Amino acid sequence: MKKTTTINIRETAKRTLQVEAAAIKDLQQFIDEDFEKAVAIIARCAGRLVVTGIGKSAIIGQKLVATLNSTGTPSLFMHAADAIHGDLGMIQEQDVVLCISKSGTSPEIKVLVPLVKSFGNTLIAMVGNAGSYLAQEADLVLNTTVTQEACPNNLAPTTSTTAQLAMGDALAVCLIEWHGFTAADFAKFHPGGTLGKKLYLKVGDLSRHHSTPRVLLESPLRDVILEISSKMLGVTAVMDHEGELRGIITDGDLRRMLEKSIDTAGVIAKDIMSTHPKHIQKDELAINALEKMRQHDITQLLVMEDKRYIGIIHLHDLIREGII
């Protein structure tokens, strides 16, 4: 292999992206009646979408299956080579089959296609050659033809696989909208990791682990300091004798009071509290608490159940859970 040392790396990278971006833009002309029918057939399918392919197209197919399964369209991947050696049993009567191929003429594809058709399943082709065997035999065609690969030899699948990926995403997004798939639905399939926590973890899930610091309007300064220190949340709620929330005192409020060099002997809670505390309902998502903290440049919020004060959520809670 000849080694080349006189290339402009930045220009080569930019040219690659330009070629692939242009190819994706050109795909818009192929969003046609067949594409619409494919979305409808998959959406109404009583079975699953079986995605198959070989080589680089198989890898794209696996990614599409992952996207579809996580967004409410039951799917599975069947490698074209394995299919003709026993895996055809994966295909059930009510399934729809999507075959991905650049050329549409691979030997494995030519063997697989008539077998799928003999089962009576709808066959959708995602293919980069509209005149190929696969395109001619399929019930519907998603055209992913590209004019050139980004590879300087116009050989390695680069632009073509990018086009397949983009067409698959277009298909997936249409199915998401067809089914009215929501963020709440998405959370059901993504309970793990940071993404899942952002979608399902609620304020109350975090605040319940804390104590609920509180003092009365008439509580002396010493009691306020002790309450904030003992609960270690940097804040306390201020309540009246009926249990209604009247304000909030933070450790920042205490520092600002001391900086004024006033006589603190007769100071009580209501003298230094803020009367409009920032709060959040316990059933809101934790990610919303983070946004509210950022909006007001604060590190904690009072947690409410309707109008009743029930706890504190702190920035450290969100950091610990990986929300940030």
Protein backbone atom coordinates (compact mmCIF):
# COMPACT_ATOMS: atom_id res chain seq x y z
CA MET A 1 0.00 0.00 0.00
CA LYS A 2 1.47 3.31 -1.09
CA LYS A 3 1.79 5.87 1.69
CA THR A 4 0.80 9.44 0.89
CA THR A 5 2.18 12.20 3.07
CA THR A 6 1.28 15.26 1.04
CA ILE A 7 -2.46 15.51 1.67
CA ASN A 8 -4.40 18.43 3.08
CA ILE A 9 -6.21 16.67 5.93
CA ARG A 10 -8.65 19.48 6.63
CA GLU A 11 -9.62 19.89 3.01
CA THR A 12 -10.07 16.14 2.55
CA ALA A 13 -12.33 15.98 5.60
CA LYS A 14 -14.37 18.99 4.45
CA ARG A 15 -14.73 17.55 0.96
CA THR A 16 -15.97 14.26 2.42
CA LEU A 17 -18.63 16.04 4.43
CA GLN A 18 -19.66 18.18 1.46
CA VAL A 19 -20.10 15.14 -0.78
CA GLU A 20 -22.15 13.30 1.83
CA ALA A 21 -24.24 16.35 2.72
CA ALA A 22 -25.09 16.87 -0.95
CA ALA A 23 -26.11 13.23 -1.28
CA ILE A 24 -28.45 13.46 1.71
CA LYS A 25 -30.01 16.61 0.26
CA ASP A 26 -30.55 14.82 -3.05
CA LEU A 27 -32.47 12.05 -1.28
CA GLN A 28 -35.46 14.39 -1.01
CA GLN A 29 -36.32 13.66 -4.63
CA PHE A 30 -36.83 10.00 -3.69
CA ILE A 31 -39.43 10.67 -1.01
CA ASP A 32 -42.28 9.49 -3.18
CA GLU A 33 -45.44 7.39 -3.19
CA ASP A 34 -43.49 4.21 -2.42
CA PHE A 35 -42.00 5.87 0.66
CA GLU A 36 -45.47 6.90 1.86
CA LYS A 37 -46.82 3.39 1.30
CA ALA A 38 -43.85 1.86 3.12
CA VAL A 39 -44.47 4.02 6.20
CA ALA A 40 -48.17 3.10 6.21
CA ILE A 41 -47.54 -0.63 5.75
CA ILE A 42 -44.94 -0.76 8.52
CA ALA A 43 -47.11 1.35 10.85
CA ARG A 44 -50.14 -0.92 10.33
CA CYS A 45 -48.14 -4.14 10.44
CA ALA A 46 -49.52 -6.61 12.97
CA GLY A 47 -46.12 -8.28 13.19
CA ARG A 48 -42.61 -6.85 13.15
CA LEU A 49 -40.33 -5.19 10.66
CA VAL A 50 -37.57 -7.64 9.75
CA VAL A 51 -34.55 -5.74 8.44
CA THR A 52 -31.93 -7.59 6.46
CA GLY A 53 -28.77 -6.86 4.49
CA ILE A 54 -25.16 -7.85 4.07
CA GLY A 55 -21.80 -6.12 4.49
CA LYS A 56 -21.92 -2.43 5.41
CA SER A 57 -25.65 -2.35 4.66
CA ALA A 58 -26.16 -4.93 7.40
CA ILE A 59 -24.54 -2.58 9.92
CA ILE A 60 -26.85 0.23 8.82
CA GLY A 61 -29.75 -2.18 9.18
CA GLN A 62 -28.77 -2.99 12.77
CA LYS A 63 -28.72 0.70 13.62
CA LEU A 64 -32.17 1.19 12.07
CA VAL A 65 -33.56 -1.73 14.07
CA ALA A 66 -32.18 -0.19 17.27
CA THR A 67 -33.82 3.14 16.44
CA LEU A 68 -37.16 1.59 15.58
CA ASN A 69 -37.32 -0.64 18.65
CA SER A 70 -36.59 2.32 20.91
CA THR A 71 -39.30 4.42 19.29
CA GLY A 72 -42.22 2.01 19.28
CA THR A 73 -41.87 0.01 16.05
CA PRO A 74 -41.08 -3.67 16.87
CA SER A 75 -38.19 -4.73 14.67
CA LEU A 76 -35.46 -7.33 14.39
CA PHE A 77 -32.34 -7.78 12.29
CA MET A 78 -31.70 -10.84 10.14
CA HIS A 79 -28.32 -11.08 8.39
CA ALA A 80 -28.86 -11.99 4.74
CA ALA A 81 -26.12 -14.61 4.75
CA ASP A 82 -27.46 -16.29 7.90
CA ALA A 83 -31.00 -16.11 6.57
CA ILE A 84 -30.31 -18.63 3.83
CA HIS A 85 -28.69 -20.95 6.36
CA GLY A 86 -31.59 -21.23 8.78
CA ASP A 87 -32.46 -17.77 10.06
CA LEU A 88 -35.39 -17.43 7.65
CA GLY A 89 -37.38 -18.96 10.49
CA MET A 90 -37.26 -15.54 12.12
CA ILE A 91 -39.80 -14.25 9.61
CA GLN A 92 -43.40 -14.69 10.74
CA GLU A 93 -46.55 -14.51 8.64
CA GLN A 94 -47.52 -10.95 9.58
CA ASP A 95 -44.03 -9.46 9.35
CA VAL A 96 -42.83 -6.92 6.80
CA VAL A 97 -39.31 -7.36 5.40
CA LEU A 98 -36.97 -4.47 4.60
CA CYS A 99 -33.88 -5.41 2.59
CA ILE A 100 -31.03 -2.89 2.48
CA SER A 101 -28.45 -3.05 -0.29
CA LYS A 102 -26.40 -0.62 -2.34
CA SER A 103 -26.15 -2.68 -5.50
CA GLY A 104 -29.25 -4.84 -5.12
CA THR A 105 -27.39 -7.64 -6.88
CA SER A 106 -25.37 -9.35 -4.13
CA PRO A 107 -25.48 -13.17 -4.44
CA GLU A 108 -26.99 -13.53 -0.98
CA ILE A 109 -29.71 -11.01 -1.85
CA LYS A 110 -30.55 -12.87 -5.06
CA VAL A 111 -31.03 -16.07 -3.09
CA LEU A 112 -32.94 -14.43 -0.24
CA VAL A 113 -35.47 -12.36 -2.21
CA PRO A 114 -37.43 -15.18 -3.88
CA LEU A 115 -37.57 -17.05 -0.58
CA VAL A 116 -39.09 -14.03 1.19
CA LYS A 117 -41.56 -13.54 -1.66
CA SER A 118 -42.58 -17.19 -1.47
CA PHE A 119 -43.60 -16.63 2.15
CA GLY A 120 -46.02 -13.92 1.03
CA ASN A 121 -44.49 -11.14 3.17
CA THR A 122 -44.37 -7.57 1.87
CA LEU A 123 -40.82 -6.87 0.70
CA ILE A 124 -39.49 -3.31 0.85
CA ALA A 125 -36.14 -2.56 -0.77
CA MET A 126 -33.83 0.22 0.35
CA VAL A 127 -31.48 0.14 -2.60
CA GLY A 128 -28.98 2.37 -4.39
CA ASN A 129 -29.67 0.94 -7.85
CA ALA A 130 -33.24 1.41 -9.09
CA GLY A 131 -32.65 -1.00 -11.98
CA SER A 132 -31.28 -3.81 -9.84
CA TYR A 133 -32.69 -7.27 -9.22
CA LEU A 134 -33.76 -6.30 -5.70
CA ALA A 135 -35.52 -3.13 -6.86
CA GLN A 136 -37.38 -5.00 -9.59
CA GLU A 137 -38.56 -7.79 -7.29
CA ALA A 138 -39.53 -5.68 -4.26
CA ASP A 139 -43.09 -4.54 -3.60
CA LEU A 140 -41.87 -1.06 -2.68
CA VAL A 141 -38.57 0.76 -3.26
CA LEU A 142 -36.85 3.33 -1.06
CA ASN A 143 -34.31 4.76 -3.46
CA THR A 144 -30.91 5.65 -1.93
CA THR A 145 -28.97 6.19 -5.16
CA VAL A 146 -25.88 8.39 -4.82
CA THR A 147 -23.76 9.84 -7.59
CA GLN A 148 -20.41 9.08 -5.97
CA GLU A 149 -18.78 7.71 -2.87
CA ALA A 150 -16.75 10.08 -0.74
CA CYS A 151 -13.93 7.54 -1.00
CA PRO A 152 -11.31 8.96 -3.45
CA ASN A 153 -11.44 5.68 -5.38
CA ASN A 154 -15.24 5.79 -5.47
CA LEU A 155 -15.25 2.29 -4.00
CA ALA A 156 -15.54 2.14 -0.20
CA PRO A 157 -19.16 2.53 0.96
CA THR A 158 -19.19 5.99 2.47
CA THR A 159 -21.75 8.26 0.84
CA SER A 160 -23.98 5.29 0.08
CA THR A 161 -24.12 4.11 3.69
CA THR A 162 -24.70 7.68 4.85
CA ALA A 163 -27.66 7.85 2.47
CA GLN A 164 -29.03 4.57 3.84
CA LEU A 165 -28.65 5.85 7.38
CA ALA A 166 -30.46 9.09 6.56
CA MET A 167 -33.28 7.34 4.71
CA GLY A 168 -33.68 4.99 7.65
CA ASP A 169 -33.93 7.95 10.00
CA ALA A 170 -36.55 9.55 7.76
CA LEU A 171 -38.53 6.33 7.90
CA ALA A 172 -38.18 6.10 11.69
CA VAL A 173 -39.21 9.72 12.31
CA CYS A 174 -42.30 9.30 10.13
CA LEU A 175 -43.26 6.24 12.17
CA ILE A 176 -42.69 8.17 15.41
CA GLU A 177 -45.14 10.83 14.25
CA TRP A 178 -47.58 8.26 12.85
CA HIS A 179 -47.82 6.52 16.24
CA GLY A 180 -47.81 9.78 18.22
CA PHE A 181 -44.80 8.47 20.12
CA THR A 182 -44.02 10.85 23.01
CA ALA A 183 -41.11 11.56 25.32
CA ALA A 184 -42.98 9.63 28.02
CA ASP A 185 -43.21 6.63 25.70
CA PHE A 186 -39.51 6.99 24.91
CA ALA A 187 -38.70 6.91 28.62
CA LYS A 188 -40.34 3.49 28.98
CA PHE A 189 -37.75 2.00 26.65
CA HIS A 190 -34.78 3.98 28.03
CA PRO A 191 -34.86 3.53 31.82
CA GLY A 192 -31.08 3.25 32.10
CA GLY A 193 -28.35 5.84 31.88
CA THR A 194 -28.48 9.60 31.90
CA LEU A 195 -30.96 9.81 29.04
CA GLY A 196 -33.44 7.61 30.86
CA LYS A 197 -33.14 9.58 34.08
CA LYS A 198 -33.86 12.83 32.26
CA LEU A 199 -37.04 11.32 30.93
CA TYR A 200 -38.46 9.61 34.00
CA LEU A 201 -36.71 10.74 37.20
CA LYS A 202 -38.98 13.10 39.13
CA VAL A 203 -38.30 15.75 41.73
CA GLY A 204 -40.02 13.74 44.42
CA ASP A 205 -37.75 10.76 43.75
CA LEU A 206 -34.79 12.85 44.89
CA SER A 207 -36.28 15.12 47.55
CA ARG A 208 -37.73 12.27 49.60
CA HIS A 209 -34.22 11.29 50.68
CA HIS A 210 -33.78 14.63 52.45
CA SER A 211 -35.09 16.03 55.69
CA THR A 212 -37.42 19.02 55.49
CA PRO A 213 -35.72 21.99 57.19
CA ARG A 214 -38.20 24.46 58.58
CA VAL A 215 -38.46 27.24 61.14
CA LEU A 216 -41.30 29.48 62.27
CA LEU A 217 -41.69 33.13 61.41
CA GLU A 218 -40.77 34.06 64.99
CA SER A 219 -37.79 31.68 65.28
CA PRO A 220 -34.68 33.49 66.57
CA LEU A 221 -31.59 33.75 64.41
CA ARG A 222 -29.78 31.09 66.43
CA ASP A 223 -32.50 28.53 65.62
CA VAL A 224 -32.37 29.46 61.95
CA ILE A 225 -28.60 28.90 61.82
CA LEU A 226 -28.87 25.60 63.67
CA GLU A 227 -31.63 24.34 61.36
CA ILE A 228 -29.68 25.19 58.21
CA SER A 229 -26.49 23.67 59.62
CA SER A 230 -28.04 20.48 60.97
CA LYS A 231 -29.98 19.65 57.80
CA MET A 232 -26.92 20.43 55.62
CA LEU A 233 -28.92 21.67 52.63
CA GLY A 234 -27.96 25.34 52.85
CA VAL A 235 -31.56 26.43 53.25
CA THR A 236 -34.63 26.32 55.43
CA ALA A 237 -38.28 27.02 54.77
CA VAL A 238 -40.09 29.53 56.96
CA MET A 239 -43.58 28.51 58.07
CA ASP A 240 -46.43 30.10 60.01
CA HIS A 241 -48.25 28.36 62.86
CA GLU A 242 -50.86 26.97 60.45
CA GLY A 243 -48.16 25.13 58.51
CA GLU A 244 -48.32 27.45 55.53
CA LEU A 245 -45.12 28.30 53.65
CA ARG A 246 -44.25 31.96 54.11
CA GLY A 247 -40.67 32.25 52.92
CA ILE A 248 -37.18 30.86 52.63
CA ILE A 249 -33.79 31.58 54.19
CA THR A 250 -30.56 30.42 52.56
CA ASP A 251 -27.03 30.44 53.88
CA GLY A 252 -26.47 33.26 51.40
CA ASP A 253 -29.14 35.31 53.16
CA LEU A 254 -27.27 34.79 56.44
CA ARG A 255 -23.97 35.91 54.96
CA ARG A 256 -25.50 39.03 53.45
CA MET A 257 -27.11 39.91 56.79
CA LEU A 258 -23.81 39.57 58.64
CA GLU A 259 -22.02 41.69 56.03
CA LYS A 260 -24.35 44.59 56.95
CA SER A 261 -22.89 44.66 60.50
CA ILE A 262 -26.31 45.05 62.10
CA ASP A 263 -27.22 44.09 65.66
CA THR A 264 -28.43 40.49 65.38
CA ALA A 265 -29.65 40.16 68.94
CA GLY A 266 -33.34 40.51 68.16
CA VAL A 267 -33.36 39.20 64.61
CA ILE A 268 -36.01 36.56 63.84
CA ALA A 269 -36.70 34.48 60.74
CA LYS A 270 -39.24 36.80 59.14
CA ASP A 271 -36.73 39.69 59.25
CA ILE A 272 -34.31 38.02 56.83
CA MET A 273 -36.43 35.61 54.79
CA SER A 274 -37.25 35.95 51.11
CA THR A 275 -41.00 36.04 50.73
CA HIS A 276 -41.28 34.54 47.24
CA PRO A 277 -39.30 31.29 47.40
CA LYS A 278 -38.60 29.44 44.18
CA HIS A 279 -40.31 26.08 44.25
CA ILE A 280 -41.27 23.12 42.10
CA GLN A 281 -43.96 20.44 42.30
CA LYS A 282 -42.83 16.95 43.34
CA ASP A 283 -44.28 15.31 40.21
CA GLU A 284 -42.23 17.41 37.79
CA LEU A 285 -39.22 15.90 36.05
CA ALA A 286 -35.88 16.42 37.75
CA ILE A 287 -34.50 17.91 34.54
CA ASN A 288 -37.07 20.71 34.92
CA ALA A 289 -35.67 21.46 38.37
CA LEU A 290 -32.24 21.87 36.81
CA GLU A 291 -33.58 24.29 34.23
CA LYS A 292 -35.30 26.32 36.94
CA MET A 293 -32.12 26.46 39.02
CA ARG A 294 -30.16 27.65 36.00
CA GLN A 295 -32.81 30.22 35.16
CA HIS A 296 -32.67 31.79 38.63
CA ASP A 297 -28.99 31.06 39.34
CA ILE A 298 -29.73 29.12 42.53
CA THR A 299 -28.70 25.73 43.89
CA GLN A 300 -31.86 24.49 45.57
CA LEU A 301 -35.64 24.57 45.23
CA LEU A 302 -38.42 23.98 47.71
CA VAL A 303 -40.48 20.94 46.74
CA MET A 304 -44.24 21.23 46.95
CA GLU A 305 -47.19 18.89 46.85
CA ASP A 306 -49.83 21.26 45.57
CA LYS A 307 -49.46 24.09 48.13
CA ARG A 308 -47.84 22.02 50.86
CA TYR A 309 -44.10 22.20 51.45
CA ILE A 310 -42.63 18.67 51.57
CA GLY A 311 -38.89 18.98 51.01
CA ILE A 312 -35.83 20.28 49.19
CA ILE A 313 -34.13 19.36 45.93
CA HIS A 314 -30.49 20.43 45.68
CA LEU A 315 -28.17 20.85 42.72
CA HIS A 316 -25.99 18.14 44.24
CA ASP A 317 -28.87 15.68 43.85
CA LEU A 318 -28.93 16.30 40.12
CA ILE A 319 -25.15 16.02 39.83
CA ARG A 320 -25.16 12.74 41.77
CA GLU A 321 -27.78 11.26 39.43
CA GLY A 322 -25.88 12.33 36.33
CA ILE A 323 -28.60 14.74 35.18
CA ILE A 324 -25.95 17.40 34.59
